[in-house]
Amino acid sequence: MKQKRCRERFVKWLVLFCMMMLLSVMCALPVAAAPKVKKTECEKKGIIEVDFRTDVTFKKPHVTVKDTSGKTYKAVIVELDDDDLTFRVKNYRAGKKYSFKISGVRAVGETDYHTVKGTFRIPKKTSKPAIEEVSYDAEDREVEFDFTSRVRWKDAKVTISCGGKQFVQRITEKDHDGIEVSVKALTKGKKYTYKISGVAKSGQKKYVTVKGSFTA
């Protein structure tokens, strides 16, 4: 009788051990992640382009758009590419912030499709260029400024400062919708102010200075 109880106890411990081992193996398996958004840009008249950080594939993609009050807007996909998706928002209101969800998208090499989320703002019409997003790459020590519309450049200059100290080393790239600069190391979570001069909105003759701030 005693030997029987010992055997039963051993079997129970063996089953429990096997279950724990199986659970640890399952937890160690990599979880497929949703593709990450590199940037979201409002091109014109409610046309929104979402750029992904990696190449992606789609399966019955669908886009939903809401404003900050929760109102839903009809969105129609107009173009799919290897690393981006473009959609049109209908009956939008300029000057408001919106959130979007794109379902049926996966990174190349993955097996599962996911829903990707993000935000964008449709700017009001103005003759002055407006910054849509500022991003800091700590590894490469670069700051990228994305504009809400196409821009032109003339003798461009960028300054980034904090507490009287200047951080910009040089302009590394500029194009029709943004500018990138190399900087001295910025402190994560710290607020910095910037000035971008020699920039004009496409179609405008006057070059201006754009000012603002961001958190590294």
Protein backbone atom coordinates (compact mmCIF):
# COMPACT_ATOMS: atom_id res chain seq x y z
CA MET A 1 0.00 0.00 0.00
CA LYS A 2 2.81 2.34 0.91
CA GLN A 3 4.60 1.58 -2.36
CA LYS A 4 1.40 2.29 -4.31
CA ARG A 5 1.03 5.72 -2.68
CA CYS A 6 4.66 6.48 -3.46
CA ARG A 7 4.15 5.55 -7.10
CA GLU A 8 1.04 7.72 -7.34
CA ARG A 9 2.89 10.62 -5.74
CA PHE A 10 5.79 10.16 -8.15
CA VAL A 11 3.47 10.12 -11.18
CA LYS A 12 1.78 13.33 -10.00
CA TRP A 13 5.12 15.09 -9.56
CA LEU A 14 6.27 13.82 -12.95
CA VAL A 15 3.12 15.15 -14.66
CA LEU A 16 3.50 18.50 -12.88
CA PHE A 17 7.17 18.72 -13.88
CA CYS A 18 6.34 17.98 -17.53
CA MET A 19 3.61 20.63 -17.54
CA MET A 20 5.99 23.22 -16.10
CA MET A 21 8.63 22.36 -18.69
CA LEU A 22 6.09 22.62 -21.51
CA LEU A 23 4.90 25.99 -20.21
CA SER A 24 8.44 27.35 -20.02
CA VAL A 25 9.13 26.25 -23.61
CA MET A 26 5.93 27.90 -24.82
CA CYS A 27 6.80 31.14 -23.02
CA ALA A 28 10.24 31.11 -24.61
CA LEU A 29 8.81 30.91 -28.12
CA PRO A 30 8.96 34.27 -29.96
CA VAL A 31 5.63 36.06 -30.28
CA ALA A 32 4.86 37.50 -33.70
CA ALA A 33 4.68 41.27 -33.40
CA ALA A 34 2.55 43.69 -35.37
CA PRO A 35 4.44 45.83 -37.93
CA LYS A 36 5.53 49.19 -36.55
CA VAL A 37 4.64 52.51 -38.14
CA LYS A 38 7.61 54.64 -39.19
CA LYS A 39 5.61 57.78 -39.92
CA THR A 40 2.14 58.94 -40.90
CA GLU A 41 1.80 61.82 -43.33
CA CYS A 42 -1.19 63.85 -44.50
CA GLU A 43 -0.42 64.49 -48.16
CA LYS A 44 -3.43 66.52 -49.36
CA LYS A 45 -7.21 66.68 -49.16
CA GLY A 46 -7.58 63.91 -46.59
CA ILE A 47 -5.05 61.58 -48.24
CA ILE A 48 -3.07 59.80 -45.49
CA GLU A 49 0.08 57.76 -46.12
CA VAL A 50 1.23 55.28 -43.47
CA ASP A 51 4.87 54.18 -43.82
CA PHE A 52 5.99 50.98 -42.05
CA ARG A 53 9.48 50.31 -40.69
CA THR A 54 9.67 46.97 -42.55
CA ASP A 55 8.24 45.45 -45.71
CA VAL A 56 4.70 44.16 -45.18
CA THR A 57 2.00 42.10 -46.85
CA PHE A 58 -1.77 42.54 -46.64
CA LYS A 59 -4.79 40.23 -46.44
CA LYS A 60 -8.19 41.89 -46.84
CA PRO A 61 -6.93 45.12 -45.25
CA HIS A 62 -9.45 47.48 -43.71
CA VAL A 63 -9.02 50.99 -42.27
CA THR A 64 -11.14 52.62 -39.57
CA VAL A 65 -10.74 56.27 -38.52
CA LYS A 66 -12.07 58.12 -35.46
CA ASP A 67 -11.61 61.61 -34.07
CA THR A 68 -10.92 62.42 -30.41
CA SER A 69 -14.66 62.52 -29.62
CA GLY A 70 -15.12 58.97 -30.91
CA LYS A 71 -16.88 59.89 -34.16
CA THR A 72 -16.14 57.43 -36.97
CA TYR A 73 -15.15 58.60 -40.45
CA LYS A 74 -15.30 56.56 -43.63
CA ALA A 75 -11.83 55.64 -44.92
CA VAL A 76 -11.07 54.18 -48.35
CA ILE A 77 -7.77 52.50 -49.23
CA VAL A 78 -6.35 54.04 -52.40
CA GLU A 79 -2.93 52.36 -52.65
CA LEU A 80 -0.96 49.45 -51.18
CA ASP A 81 2.81 49.09 -51.46
CA ASP A 82 5.63 46.93 -50.07
CA ASP A 83 6.14 49.20 -47.06
CA ASP A 84 3.22 51.63 -46.96
CA LEU A 85 -0.54 52.05 -47.25
CA THR A 86 -2.43 55.14 -48.42
CA PHE A 87 -6.06 55.88 -47.61
CA ARG A 88 -8.52 58.73 -48.03
CA VAL A 89 -10.63 60.08 -45.16
CA LYS A 90 -14.07 61.29 -46.23
CA ASN A 91 -15.92 64.26 -44.72
CA TYR A 92 -12.96 65.15 -42.51
CA ARG A 93 -12.47 68.43 -40.66
CA ALA A 94 -9.12 70.18 -40.95
CA GLY A 95 -7.26 71.03 -37.77
CA LYS A 96 -8.40 67.93 -35.89
CA LYS A 97 -6.48 64.91 -34.61
CA TYR A 98 -7.54 61.42 -35.66
CA SER A 99 -6.69 57.84 -34.74
CA PHE A 100 -6.67 54.95 -37.19
CA LYS A 101 -6.62 51.15 -37.22
CA ILE A 102 -5.38 49.06 -40.15
CA SER A 103 -6.34 45.39 -39.96
CA GLY A 104 -4.96 42.55 -42.07
CA VAL A 105 -1.28 43.52 -42.17
CA ARG A 106 1.83 41.54 -41.27
CA ALA A 107 5.59 41.96 -41.52
CA VAL A 108 7.30 39.98 -44.27
CA GLY A 109 8.52 36.70 -42.81
CA GLU A 110 5.80 36.50 -40.15
CA THR A 111 2.79 34.19 -40.28
CA ASP A 112 0.10 36.11 -38.38
CA TYR A 113 -1.79 39.17 -39.54
CA HIS A 114 -2.31 42.02 -37.10
CA THR A 115 -4.09 45.33 -36.54
CA VAL A 116 -1.83 48.39 -36.59
CA LYS A 117 -2.80 51.58 -34.75
CA GLY A 118 -1.65 55.17 -35.08
CA THR A 119 -2.64 58.83 -35.14
CA PHE A 120 -2.50 61.73 -37.58
CA ARG A 121 -3.60 65.35 -37.84
CA ILE A 122 -5.13 67.03 -40.86
CA PRO A 123 -3.75 70.59 -40.72
CA LYS A 124 -5.70 73.74 -41.45
CA LYS A 125 -4.78 75.56 -44.62
CA THR A 126 -1.95 77.98 -43.96
CA SER A 127 0.88 79.56 -45.90
CA LYS A 128 3.42 78.64 -43.20
CA PRO A 129 5.00 75.16 -43.06
CA ALA A 130 3.95 73.09 -40.05
CA ILE A 131 5.80 70.28 -38.29
CA GLU A 132 3.88 67.01 -38.12
CA GLU A 133 6.38 64.88 -36.18
CA VAL A 134 9.81 65.11 -34.57
CA SER A 135 11.69 61.84 -33.94
CA TYR A 136 15.03 61.25 -32.22
CA ASP A 137 17.22 58.26 -33.07
CA ALA A 138 19.46 57.83 -30.01
CA GLU A 139 21.60 55.14 -31.64
CA ASP A 140 22.51 57.24 -34.69
CA ARG A 141 22.20 60.56 -32.82
CA GLU A 142 19.90 62.03 -35.43
CA VAL A 143 16.75 64.12 -35.19
CA GLU A 144 14.23 64.03 -38.04
CA PHE A 145 11.58 66.72 -38.65
CA ASP A 146 8.58 65.79 -40.81
CA PHE A 147 6.34 68.51 -42.24
CA THR A 148 2.59 68.24 -42.84
CA SER A 149 3.01 69.33 -46.47
CA ARG A 150 5.61 69.62 -49.20
CA VAL A 151 8.28 72.28 -48.61
CA ARG A 152 11.15 74.06 -50.38
CA TRP A 153 14.55 75.05 -48.98
CA LYS A 154 16.93 78.01 -49.25
CA ASP A 155 20.01 78.32 -47.03
CA ALA A 156 18.42 75.98 -44.48
CA LYS A 157 19.59 76.12 -40.89
CA VAL A 158 18.49 74.09 -37.86
CA THR A 159 19.19 74.72 -34.18
CA ILE A 160 18.25 72.52 -31.21
CA SER A 161 18.89 73.92 -27.76
CA CYS A 162 18.33 73.32 -24.07
CA GLY A 163 19.56 75.49 -21.21
CA GLY A 164 21.61 77.64 -23.56
CA LYS A 165 23.48 74.67 -25.02
CA GLN A 166 23.37 73.92 -28.76
CA PHE A 167 23.18 70.31 -30.00
CA VAL A 168 23.01 70.35 -33.82
CA GLN A 169 26.22 69.33 -35.57
CA ARG A 170 25.14 69.39 -39.21
CA ILE A 171 22.27 68.82 -41.61
CA THR A 172 22.48 65.27 -42.95
CA GLU A 173 19.48 65.21 -45.28
CA LYS A 174 16.60 67.37 -46.50
CA ASP A 175 13.86 66.69 -49.03
CA HIS A 176 10.39 67.85 -50.01
CA ASP A 177 8.73 66.81 -46.75
CA GLY A 178 11.37 66.94 -44.03
CA ILE A 179 14.88 67.56 -42.78
CA GLU A 180 17.32 65.48 -40.71
CA VAL A 181 20.23 66.63 -38.55
CA SER A 182 22.99 64.91 -36.62
CA VAL A 183 23.22 65.98 -32.99
CA LYS A 184 25.19 65.56 -29.82
CA ALA A 185 23.64 63.00 -27.48
CA LEU A 186 20.25 64.10 -26.14
CA THR A 187 18.88 63.08 -22.75
CA LYS A 188 15.87 60.77 -22.92
CA GLY A 189 12.75 62.41 -21.53
CA LYS A 190 14.21 65.90 -21.67
CA LYS A 191 12.52 68.76 -23.54
CA TYR A 192 14.37 70.62 -26.32
CA THR A 193 13.47 73.66 -28.43
CA TYR A 194 14.21 73.96 -32.15
CA LYS A 195 14.33 76.54 -34.93
CA ILE A 196 14.29 75.67 -38.64
CA SER A 197 14.97 78.59 -40.97
CA GLY A 198 15.06 78.90 -44.76
CA VAL A 199 11.95 76.80 -45.39
CA ALA A 200 8.85 77.63 -47.44
CA LYS A 201 5.65 75.77 -48.08
CA SER A 202 5.51 74.43 -51.62
CA GLY A 203 3.86 77.06 -53.83
CA GLN A 204 4.77 79.92 -51.49
CA LYS A 205 7.54 82.43 -52.23
CA LYS A 206 8.37 83.56 -48.70
CA TYR A 207 10.93 81.55 -46.69
CA VAL A 208 10.26 81.52 -42.95
CA THR A 209 11.48 80.17 -39.62
CA VAL A 210 9.56 77.38 -37.90
CA LYS A 211 9.87 77.04 -34.12
CA GLY A 212 8.75 74.45 -31.61
CA SER A 213 9.79 71.93 -28.99
CA PHE A 214 9.97 68.15 -28.56
CA THR A 215 10.87 65.56 -25.96
CA ALA A 216 13.79 63.24 -26.75
